[in-house]
Amino acid sequence: MIDFLDSALVPLLLAVVGLPLVLRAFVQQGKRRAMHATPTVTCAEIAEYDEPVVCEVKGTAVPGPGGPAQAPFSGQPCVWHRTKVTVRYERTQTRDGKTETTTHEETVHDETHGAPFAVRDIAGEVLIVHDGEPVDRPAQSLSHYERAGRDVNLFGLSFRVNFSNVKGHLYEEWIIPQGRSLYVLGAAMAEDGGLVMRRPHADPFIISTRSEEELSASLRLGLYVGYIAGGALLAASLIWLVLELVHAHPGAHLWNLIFGDEPPLG
């Protein structure tokens, strides 16, 4: 254990965990800044734009030109849906004469319905052209785990027979139902007699079932946690690396700090 703590892997692991937290917080900060800098407009105001203008709209979800969609797993009517299938399986490995079985998961299907839908406010409708864009906090319409194999009834006993390493499949589905309140930030303009909103060139494209206030508060909490936790891990990584370079044996000092005695030899 001490050999590991005094190795160069410790600062590397700290950096590997800390850096994504900081980067995620940076992205969240950018989204929140864009939300605060972007004006909220009505569909009547969008109709005045003959060039794409970054703005935000608030209204309810309604079907696009293709009509309402149907969620593939649950069959519920909606304007947007995402489906995901995860397979759970066991892997058996033999190491040093010992057999070990571990459970793993792998996503074998993850698809988002890409047809446009519309947002309706008191002044009209704007078509959201999203091309399968992720949606913040859609409603989960299904989460079902199905065990692999088949049920067998024999001599009054019921049991499941499975001759493969696949243990089962998790089916998940998320939807935006018709009439759901939406907050959307994108580039909007009047086009071909209608109103259209798409992904901006530089600003984030946000489609959320939460209100602007709820989403902003969530992003603020996330960026604080990311910067504080990620920054602390990166700082610890740098300090640990410096101590290693000057042969200060930080692992032994950490062991002594936690357990109050000298680390075991070897």
C-alpha atoms as a PDB file:
ATOM      1  CA  MET A   1       0.000   0.000   0.000  1.00  0.00           C
ATOM      2  CA  ILE A   2       2.764   2.449   0.903  1.00  0.00           C
ATOM      3  CA  ASP A   3       4.627   1.604  -2.287  1.00  0.00           C
ATOM      4  CA  PHE A   4       1.507   2.561  -4.214  1.00  0.00           C
ATOM      5  CA  LEU A   5       0.992   5.780  -2.225  1.00  0.00           C
ATOM      6  CA  ASP A   6       4.591   6.797  -2.874  1.00  0.00           C
ATOM      7  CA  SER A   7       4.347   6.048  -6.601  1.00  0.00           C
ATOM      8  CA  ALA A   8       3.682   8.519  -9.413  1.00  0.00           C
ATOM      9  CA  LEU A   9       0.255   6.922  -9.939  1.00  0.00           C
ATOM     10  CA  VAL A  10      -1.299   8.849  -7.058  1.00  0.00           C
ATOM     11  CA  PRO A  11      -0.911  12.371  -8.526  1.00  0.00           C
ATOM     12  CA  LEU A  12      -1.937  10.980 -11.922  1.00  0.00           C
ATOM     13  CA  LEU A  13      -5.141   9.483 -10.491  1.00  0.00           C
ATOM     14  CA  LEU A  14      -5.914  12.710  -8.638  1.00  0.00           C
ATOM     15  CA  ALA A  15      -5.503  14.672 -11.870  1.00  0.00           C
ATOM     16  CA  VAL A  16      -7.582  12.174 -13.886  1.00  0.00           C
ATOM     17  CA  VAL A  17     -10.482  12.616 -11.443  1.00  0.00           C
ATOM     18  CA  GLY A  18     -10.078  16.354 -10.889  1.00  0.00           C
ATOM     19  CA  LEU A  19      -9.622  17.578 -14.467  1.00  0.00           C
ATOM     20  CA  PRO A  20     -13.018  16.364 -15.806  1.00  0.00           C
ATOM     21  CA  LEU A  21     -14.738  18.015 -12.833  1.00  0.00           C
ATOM     22  CA  VAL A  22     -13.125  21.352 -13.653  1.00  0.00           C
ATOM     23  CA  LEU A  23     -13.863  21.027 -17.378  1.00  0.00           C
ATOM     24  CA  ARG A  24     -17.504  20.155 -16.683  1.00  0.00           C
ATOM     25  CA  ALA A  25     -17.803  23.143 -14.378  1.00  0.00           C
ATOM     26  CA  PHE A  26     -16.325  25.356 -17.115  1.00  0.00           C
ATOM     27  CA  VAL A  27     -18.973  24.133 -19.581  1.00  0.00           C
ATOM     28  CA  GLN A  28     -21.738  24.715 -17.034  1.00  0.00           C
ATOM     29  CA  GLN A  29     -20.444  28.212 -16.372  1.00  0.00           C
ATOM     30  CA  GLY A  30     -20.554  28.930 -20.107  1.00  0.00           C
ATOM     31  CA  LYS A  31     -24.154  27.748 -20.331  1.00  0.00           C
ATOM     32  CA  ARG A  32     -25.214  29.813 -17.347  1.00  0.00           C
ATOM     33  CA  ARG A  33     -23.446  32.907 -18.674  1.00  0.00           C
ATOM     34  CA  ALA A  34     -25.158  32.464 -22.047  1.00  0.00           C
ATOM     35  CA  MET A  35     -28.550  32.095 -20.369  1.00  0.00           C
ATOM     36  CA  HIS A  36     -28.108  35.331 -18.422  1.00  0.00           C
ATOM     37  CA  ALA A  37     -26.906  37.226 -21.509  1.00  0.00           C
ATOM     38  CA  THR A  38     -29.660  35.975 -23.837  1.00  0.00           C
ATOM     39  CA  PRO A  39     -32.993  37.827 -24.054  1.00  0.00           C
ATOM     40  CA  THR A  40     -36.309  36.019 -23.766  1.00  0.00           C
ATOM     41  CA  VAL A  41     -38.526  36.698 -26.779  1.00  0.00           C
ATOM     42  CA  THR A  42     -41.980  35.761 -28.012  1.00  0.00           C
ATOM     43  CA  CYS A  43     -42.773  34.150 -31.330  1.00  0.00           C
ATOM     44  CA  ALA A  44     -44.133  37.498 -32.526  1.00  0.00           C
ATOM     45  CA  GLU A  45     -40.713  39.076 -31.944  1.00  0.00           C
ATOM     46  CA  ILE A  46     -38.915  36.190 -33.697  1.00  0.00           C
ATOM     47  CA  ALA A  47     -41.045  36.895 -36.766  1.00  0.00           C
ATOM     48  CA  GLU A  48     -39.202  40.186 -37.134  1.00  0.00           C
ATOM     49  CA  TYR A  49     -35.799  38.486 -37.538  1.00  0.00           C
ATOM     50  CA  ASP A  50     -34.644  37.812 -41.099  1.00  0.00           C
ATOM     51  CA  GLU A  51     -31.247  36.638 -39.831  1.00  0.00           C
ATOM     52  CA  PRO A  52     -30.536  34.072 -37.070  1.00  0.00           C
ATOM     53  CA  VAL A  53     -30.573  35.753 -33.656  1.00  0.00           C
ATOM     54  CA  VAL A  54     -29.595  33.967 -30.431  1.00  0.00           C
ATOM     55  CA  CYS A  55     -32.554  34.169 -28.061  1.00  0.00           C
ATOM     56  CA  GLU A  56     -34.594  32.038 -25.687  1.00  0.00           C
ATOM     57  CA  VAL A  57     -38.248  31.042 -25.817  1.00  0.00           C
ATOM     58  CA  LYS A  58     -40.576  29.671 -23.168  1.00  0.00           C
ATOM     59  CA  GLY A  59     -43.754  27.779 -23.913  1.00  0.00           C
ATOM     60  CA  THR A  60     -45.259  24.322 -24.256  1.00  0.00           C
ATOM     61  CA  ALA A  61     -44.219  21.429 -26.485  1.00  0.00           C
ATOM     62  CA  VAL A  62     -46.410  20.705 -29.512  1.00  0.00           C
ATOM     63  CA  PRO A  63     -45.859  18.350 -32.477  1.00  0.00           C
ATOM     64  CA  GLY A  64     -43.914  19.501 -35.514  1.00  0.00           C
ATOM     65  CA  PRO A  65     -44.924  19.192 -39.178  1.00  0.00           C
ATOM     66  CA  GLY A  66     -44.708  15.392 -39.016  1.00  0.00           C
ATOM     67  CA  GLY A  67     -47.309  15.202 -36.267  1.00  0.00           C
ATOM     68  CA  PRO A  68     -46.958  13.631 -32.828  1.00  0.00           C
ATOM     69  CA  ALA A  69     -44.394  10.913 -32.283  1.00  0.00           C
ATOM     70  CA  GLN A  70     -44.889   7.632 -30.448  1.00  0.00           C
ATOM     71  CA  ALA A  71     -42.355   6.405 -27.910  1.00  0.00           C
ATOM     72  CA  PRO A  72     -40.996   3.038 -29.152  1.00  0.00           C
ATOM     73  CA  PHE A  73     -40.981   1.177 -25.820  1.00  0.00           C
ATOM     74  CA  SER A  74     -43.962   2.591 -23.897  1.00  0.00           C
ATOM     75  CA  GLY A  75     -46.082   3.645 -26.869  1.00  0.00           C
ATOM     76  CA  GLN A  76     -46.837   7.001 -25.254  1.00  0.00           C
ATOM     77  CA  PRO A  77     -47.556   9.988 -27.524  1.00  0.00           C
ATOM     78  CA  CYS A  78     -44.820  12.604 -27.391  1.00  0.00           C
ATOM     79  CA  VAL A  79     -42.855  15.152 -29.428  1.00  0.00           C
ATOM     80  CA  TRP A  80     -39.370  13.787 -28.634  1.00  0.00           C
ATOM     81  CA  HIS A  81     -38.025  10.527 -27.266  1.00  0.00           C
ATOM     82  CA  ARG A  82     -34.802   8.764 -26.446  1.00  0.00           C
ATOM     83  CA  THR A  83     -34.363   5.016 -26.016  1.00  0.00           C
ATOM     84  CA  LYS A  84     -31.460   3.128 -24.488  1.00  0.00           C
ATOM     85  CA  VAL A  85     -30.689  -0.563 -24.036  1.00  0.00           C
ATOM     86  CA  THR A  86     -27.942  -1.758 -21.683  1.00  0.00           C
ATOM     87  CA  VAL A  87     -26.851  -5.380 -21.560  1.00  0.00           C
ATOM     88  CA  ARG A  88     -25.592  -6.801 -18.277  1.00  0.00           C
ATOM     89  CA  TYR A  89     -23.248  -9.771 -18.509  1.00  0.00           C
ATOM     90  CA  GLU A  90     -20.715 -11.751 -16.518  1.00  0.00           C
ATOM     91  CA  ARG A  91     -17.055 -12.192 -17.410  1.00  0.00           C
ATOM     92  CA  THR A  92     -14.991 -15.010 -15.923  1.00  0.00           C
ATOM     93  CA  GLN A  93     -11.207 -14.711 -15.769  1.00  0.00           C
ATOM     94  CA  THR A  94      -8.514 -16.874 -14.241  1.00  0.00           C
ATOM     95  CA  ARG A  95      -5.553 -15.146 -12.621  1.00  0.00           C
ATOM     96  CA  ASP A  96      -2.824 -16.801 -10.596  1.00  0.00           C
ATOM     97  CA  GLY A  97      -4.858 -19.981 -10.445  1.00  0.00           C
ATOM     98  CA  LYS A  98      -7.937 -18.185  -9.088  1.00  0.00           C
ATOM     99  CA  THR A  99     -11.179 -17.889 -11.030  1.00  0.00           C
ATOM    100  CA  GLU A 100     -12.965 -14.544 -10.706  1.00  0.00           C
ATOM    101  CA  THR A 101     -16.398 -13.651 -12.099  1.00  0.00           C
ATOM    102  CA  THR A 102     -17.302  -9.995 -12.498  1.00  0.00           C
ATOM    103  CA  THR A 103     -20.457  -8.268 -13.748  1.00  0.00           C
ATOM    104  CA  HIS A 104     -20.216  -5.698 -16.539  1.00  0.00           C
ATOM    105  CA  GLU A 105     -22.621  -3.467 -18.446  1.00  0.00           C
ATOM    106  CA  GLU A 106     -22.496  -2.307 -22.051  1.00  0.00           C
ATOM    107  CA  THR A 107     -24.794   0.053 -23.931  1.00  0.00           C
ATOM    108  CA  VAL A 108     -25.898  -1.662 -27.140  1.00  0.00           C
ATOM    109  CA  HIS A 109     -28.499   0.892 -28.232  1.00  0.00           C
ATOM    110  CA  ASP A 110     -28.861   4.623 -27.599  1.00  0.00           C
ATOM    111  CA  GLU A 111     -31.032   6.540 -30.042  1.00  0.00           C
ATOM    112  CA  THR A 112     -32.726   9.942 -29.996  1.00  0.00           C
ATOM    113  CA  HIS A 113     -35.716  10.871 -32.130  1.00  0.00           C
ATOM    114  CA  GLY A 114     -34.454  13.644 -34.402  1.00  0.00           C
ATOM    115  CA  ALA A 115     -37.668  14.996 -35.949  1.00  0.00           C
ATOM    116  CA  PRO A 116     -38.389  18.690 -35.226  1.00  0.00           C
ATOM    117  CA  PHE A 117     -41.061  19.692 -32.743  1.00  0.00           C
ATOM    118  CA  ALA A 118     -42.467  23.108 -31.867  1.00  0.00           C
ATOM    119  CA  VAL A 119     -42.744  25.354 -28.835  1.00  0.00           C
ATOM    120  CA  ARG A 120     -45.963  27.341 -28.520  1.00  0.00           C
ATOM    121  CA  ASP A 121     -46.307  30.558 -26.545  1.00  0.00           C
ATOM    122  CA  ILE A 122     -49.060  33.191 -26.385  1.00  0.00           C
ATOM    123  CA  ALA A 123     -47.969  34.675 -29.734  1.00  0.00           C
ATOM    124  CA  GLY A 124     -47.487  31.585 -31.897  1.00  0.00           C
ATOM    125  CA  GLU A 125     -45.177  28.638 -32.510  1.00  0.00           C
ATOM    126  CA  VAL A 126     -41.479  28.223 -33.317  1.00  0.00           C
ATOM    127  CA  LEU A 127     -40.120  25.010 -34.838  1.00  0.00           C
ATOM    128  CA  ILE A 128     -37.184  23.499 -32.915  1.00  0.00           C
ATOM    129  CA  VAL A 129     -34.791  21.828 -35.385  1.00  0.00           C
ATOM    130  CA  HIS A 130     -32.589  19.808 -33.045  1.00  0.00           C
ATOM    131  CA  ASP A 131     -31.300  16.765 -35.009  1.00  0.00           C
ATOM    132  CA  GLY A 132     -31.303  14.555 -31.932  1.00  0.00           C
ATOM    133  CA  GLU A 133     -29.975  17.194 -29.533  1.00  0.00           C
ATOM    134  CA  PRO A 134     -29.860  16.063 -25.871  1.00  0.00           C
ATOM    135  CA  VAL A 135     -32.689  17.345 -23.684  1.00  0.00           C
ATOM    136  CA  ASP A 136     -32.239  18.466 -20.084  1.00  0.00           C
ATOM    137  CA  ARG A 137     -34.403  16.481 -17.655  1.00  0.00           C
ATOM    138  CA  PRO A 138     -36.864  14.742 -19.973  1.00  0.00           C
ATOM    139  CA  ALA A 139     -39.513  12.591 -18.303  1.00  0.00           C
ATOM    140  CA  GLN A 140     -38.469   8.962 -17.913  1.00  0.00           C
ATOM    141  CA  SER A 141     -41.350   6.948 -19.344  1.00  0.00           C
ATOM    142  CA  LEU A 142     -39.828   3.494 -18.905  1.00  0.00           C
ATOM    143  CA  SER A 143     -37.117   1.714 -16.927  1.00  0.00           C
ATOM    144  CA  HIS A 144     -37.482  -2.051 -17.184  1.00  0.00           C
ATOM    145  CA  TYR A 145     -34.933  -4.764 -16.458  1.00  0.00           C
ATOM    146  CA  GLU A 146     -35.550  -8.081 -18.207  1.00  0.00           C
ATOM    147  CA  ARG A 147     -33.618 -11.126 -17.080  1.00  0.00           C
ATOM    148  CA  ALA A 148     -32.080 -13.296 -19.765  1.00  0.00           C
ATOM    149  CA  GLY A 149     -33.127 -16.900 -20.350  1.00  0.00           C
ATOM    150  CA  ARG A 150     -36.565 -18.437 -20.188  1.00  0.00           C
ATOM    151  CA  ASP A 151     -38.858 -19.706 -17.476  1.00  0.00           C
ATOM    152  CA  VAL A 152     -39.328 -23.458 -17.173  1.00  0.00           C
ATOM    153  CA  ASN A 153     -42.029 -25.295 -15.246  1.00  0.00           C
ATOM    154  CA  LEU A 154     -41.039 -28.861 -14.387  1.00  0.00           C
ATOM    155  CA  PHE A 155     -42.686 -31.202 -11.868  1.00  0.00           C
ATOM    156  CA  GLY A 156     -44.455 -28.258 -10.291  1.00  0.00           C
ATOM    157  CA  LEU A 157     -41.243 -26.260  -9.929  1.00  0.00           C
ATOM    158  CA  SER A 158     -40.662 -22.955 -11.716  1.00  0.00           C
ATOM    159  CA  PHE A 159     -37.144 -21.785 -12.536  1.00  0.00           C
ATOM    160  CA  ARG A 160     -35.284 -19.816 -15.177  1.00  0.00           C
ATOM    161  CA  VAL A 161     -32.828 -21.446 -17.568  1.00  0.00           C
ATOM    162  CA  ASN A 162     -29.968 -19.381 -18.977  1.00  0.00           C
ATOM    163  CA  PHE A 163     -26.965 -20.931 -20.729  1.00  0.00           C
ATOM    164  CA  SER A 164     -25.202 -17.695 -21.724  1.00  0.00           C
ATOM    165  CA  ASN A 165     -23.116 -15.151 -19.834  1.00  0.00           C
ATOM    166  CA  VAL A 166     -25.751 -12.479 -20.493  1.00  0.00           C
ATOM    167  CA  LYS A 167     -27.720 -11.836 -17.307  1.00  0.00           C
ATOM    168  CA  GLY A 168     -30.308  -9.431 -18.679  1.00  0.00           C
ATOM    169  CA  HIS A 169     -31.145  -6.196 -20.474  1.00  0.00           C
ATOM    170  CA  LEU A 170     -32.138  -2.811 -19.072  1.00  0.00           C
ATOM    171  CA  TYR A 171     -34.609  -0.915 -21.262  1.00  0.00           C
ATOM    172  CA  GLU A 172     -34.886   2.830 -20.650  1.00  0.00           C
ATOM    173  CA  GLU A 173     -36.940   5.520 -22.344  1.00  0.00           C
ATOM    174  CA  TRP A 174     -37.330   9.273 -21.931  1.00  0.00           C
ATOM    175  CA  ILE A 175     -39.901  11.520 -23.592  1.00  0.00           C
ATOM    176  CA  ILE A 176     -41.163  15.075 -23.903  1.00  0.00           C
ATOM    177  CA  PRO A 177     -44.952  14.745 -23.697  1.00  0.00           C
ATOM    178  CA  GLN A 178     -47.188  17.110 -25.613  1.00  0.00           C
ATOM    179  CA  GLY A 179     -48.025  20.163 -23.526  1.00  0.00           C
ATOM    180  CA  ARG A 180     -44.856  19.956 -21.421  1.00  0.00           C
ATOM    181  CA  SER A 181     -43.378  23.329 -20.443  1.00  0.00           C
ATOM    182  CA  LEU A 182     -40.061  23.962 -22.185  1.00  0.00           C
ATOM    183  CA  TYR A 183     -37.209  26.434 -22.061  1.00  0.00           C
ATOM    184  CA  VAL A 184     -35.152  26.619 -25.268  1.00  0.00           C
ATOM    185  CA  LEU A 185     -32.072  28.713 -26.094  1.00  0.00           C
ATOM    186  CA  GLY A 186     -30.943  28.783 -29.709  1.00  0.00           C
ATOM    187  CA  ALA A 187     -30.653  30.787 -32.923  1.00  0.00           C
ATOM    188  CA  ALA A 188     -34.105  31.777 -34.253  1.00  0.00           C
ATOM    189  CA  MET A 189     -35.417  33.502 -37.347  1.00  0.00           C
ATOM    190  CA  ALA A 190     -38.374  33.679 -39.714  1.00  0.00           C
ATOM    191  CA  GLU A 191     -37.951  31.172 -42.530  1.00  0.00           C
ATOM    192  CA  ASP A 192     -40.225  30.025 -45.391  1.00  0.00           C
ATOM    193  CA  GLY A 193     -43.309  31.531 -43.809  1.00  0.00           C
ATOM    194  CA  GLY A 194     -42.637  30.044 -40.369  1.00  0.00           C
ATOM    195  CA  LEU A 195     -40.388  30.463 -37.351  1.00  0.00           C
ATOM    196  CA  VAL A 196     -37.372  28.206 -36.818  1.00  0.00           C
ATOM    197  CA  MET A 197     -34.843  27.800 -34.014  1.00  0.00           C
ATOM    198  CA  ARG A 198     -31.590  25.882 -34.482  1.00  0.00           C
ATOM    199  CA  ARG A 199     -28.233  25.323 -32.805  1.00  0.00           C
ATOM    200  CA  PRO A 200     -26.250  28.592 -32.653  1.00  0.00           C
ATOM    201  CA  HIS A 201     -22.771  28.769 -34.157  1.00  0.00           C
ATOM    202  CA  ALA A 202     -21.029  29.605 -30.869  1.00  0.00           C
ATOM    203  CA  ASP A 203     -23.535  29.723 -28.017  1.00  0.00           C
ATOM    204  CA  PRO A 204     -24.892  26.557 -26.392  1.00  0.00           C
ATOM    205  CA  PHE A 205     -28.115  24.994 -27.647  1.00  0.00           C
ATOM    206  CA  ILE A 206     -30.292  24.294 -24.615  1.00  0.00           C
ATOM    207  CA  ILE A 207     -33.571  22.374 -24.557  1.00  0.00           C
ATOM    208  CA  SER A 208     -34.839  21.920 -21.018  1.00  0.00           C
ATOM    209  CA  THR A 209     -38.016  20.794 -19.292  1.00  0.00           C
ATOM    210  CA  ARG A 210     -36.949  22.875 -16.306  1.00  0.00           C
ATOM    211  CA  SER A 211     -37.621  26.584 -15.998  1.00  0.00           C
ATOM    212  CA  GLU A 212     -34.826  29.057 -16.644  1.00  0.00           C
ATOM    213  CA  GLU A 213     -34.563  29.731 -12.917  1.00  0.00           C
ATOM    214  CA  GLU A 214     -34.395  26.042 -11.988  1.00  0.00           C
ATOM    215  CA  LEU A 215     -31.797  25.281 -14.645  1.00  0.00           C
ATOM    216  CA  SER A 216     -29.677  28.306 -13.714  1.00  0.00           C
ATOM    217  CA  ALA A 217     -29.676  27.309 -10.029  1.00  0.00           C
ATOM    218  CA  SER A 218     -28.679  23.740 -10.923  1.00  0.00           C
ATOM    219  CA  LEU A 219     -25.833  24.934 -13.153  1.00  0.00           C
ATOM    220  CA  ARG A 220     -24.601  27.295 -10.423  1.00  0.00           C
ATOM    221  CA  LEU A 221     -24.459  24.460  -7.881  1.00  0.00           C
ATOM    222  CA  GLY A 222     -22.732  22.169 -10.376  1.00  0.00           C
ATOM    223  CA  LEU A 223     -20.044  24.647 -11.311  1.00  0.00           C
ATOM    224  CA  TYR A 224     -19.306  25.454  -7.656  1.00  0.00           C
ATOM    225  CA  VAL A 225     -18.953  21.774  -6.802  1.00  0.00           C
ATOM    226  CA  GLY A 226     -16.867  21.119  -9.917  1.00  0.00           C
ATOM    227  CA  TYR A 227     -14.471  24.001  -9.409  1.00  0.00           C
ATOM    228  CA  ILE A 228     -14.026  23.367  -5.673  1.00  0.00           C
ATOM    229  CA  ALA A 229     -13.735  19.579  -5.775  1.00  0.00           C
ATOM    230  CA  GLY A 230     -11.841  19.435  -9.072  1.00  0.00           C
ATOM    231  CA  GLY A 231      -9.540  22.293  -8.119  1.00  0.00           C
ATOM    232  CA  ALA A 232      -8.756  20.673  -4.782  1.00  0.00           C
ATOM    233  CA  LEU A 233      -7.888  17.373  -6.493  1.00  0.00           C
ATOM    234  CA  LEU A 234      -5.666  19.098  -9.065  1.00  0.00           C
ATOM    235  CA  ALA A 235      -3.925  21.066  -6.316  1.00  0.00           C
ATOM    236  CA  ALA A 236      -3.418  17.877  -4.310  1.00  0.00           C
ATOM    237  CA  SER A 237      -2.012  16.203  -7.427  1.00  0.00           C
ATOM    238  CA  LEU A 238       0.502  19.005  -7.927  1.00  0.00           C
ATOM    239  CA  ILE A 239       1.522  19.091  -4.258  1.00  0.00           C
ATOM    240  CA  TRP A 240       1.891  15.304  -4.178  1.00  0.00           C
ATOM    241  CA  LEU A 241       4.044  15.376  -7.298  1.00  0.00           C
ATOM    242  CA  VAL A 242       6.306  18.083  -5.863  1.00  0.00           C
ATOM    243  CA  LEU A 243       6.723  16.103  -2.635  1.00  0.00           C
ATOM    244  CA  GLU A 244       7.620  13.023  -4.652  1.00  0.00           C
ATOM    245  CA  LEU A 245      10.219  14.984  -6.588  1.00  0.00           C
ATOM    246  CA  VAL A 246      11.902  16.163  -3.380  1.00  0.00           C
ATOM    247  CA  HIS A 247      11.721  12.619  -1.914  1.00  0.00           C
ATOM    248  CA  ALA A 248       9.426  13.658   0.936  1.00  0.00           C
ATOM    249  CA  HIS A 249       7.507  10.346   0.820  1.00  0.00           C
ATOM    250  CA  PRO A 250       3.965  11.805   1.005  1.00  0.00           C
ATOM    251  CA  GLY A 251       2.452   8.311   1.177  1.00  0.00           C
ATOM    252  CA  ALA A 252       4.212   7.540   4.452  1.00  0.00           C
ATOM    253  CA  HIS A 253       3.180  10.909   5.915  1.00  0.00           C
ATOM    254  CA  LEU A 254      -0.434  10.333   4.867  1.00  0.00           C
ATOM    255  CA  TRP A 255      -0.419   6.882   6.471  1.00  0.00           C
ATOM    256  CA  ASN A 256       0.930   8.342   9.690  1.00  0.00           C
ATOM    257  CA  LEU A 257      -1.672  11.120   9.633  1.00  0.00           C
ATOM    258  CA  ILE A 258      -4.566   8.672   9.203  1.00  0.00           C
ATOM    259  CA  PHE A 259      -3.447   5.744  11.359  1.00  0.00           C
ATOM    260  CA  GLY A 260      -1.134   7.495  13.778  1.00  0.00           C
ATOM    261  CA  ASP A 261       1.758   5.063  13.406  1.00  0.00           C
ATOM    262  CA  GLU A 262       4.588   4.209  11.060  1.00  0.00           C
ATOM    263  CA  PRO A 263       3.644   2.375   7.860  1.00  0.00           C
ATOM    264  CA  PRO A 264       4.436  -1.327   7.629  1.00  0.00           C
ATOM    265  CA  LEU A 265       7.626  -2.226   5.839  1.00  0.00           C
ATOM    266  CA  GLY A 266       7.641  -3.992   2.494  1.00  0.00           C
END
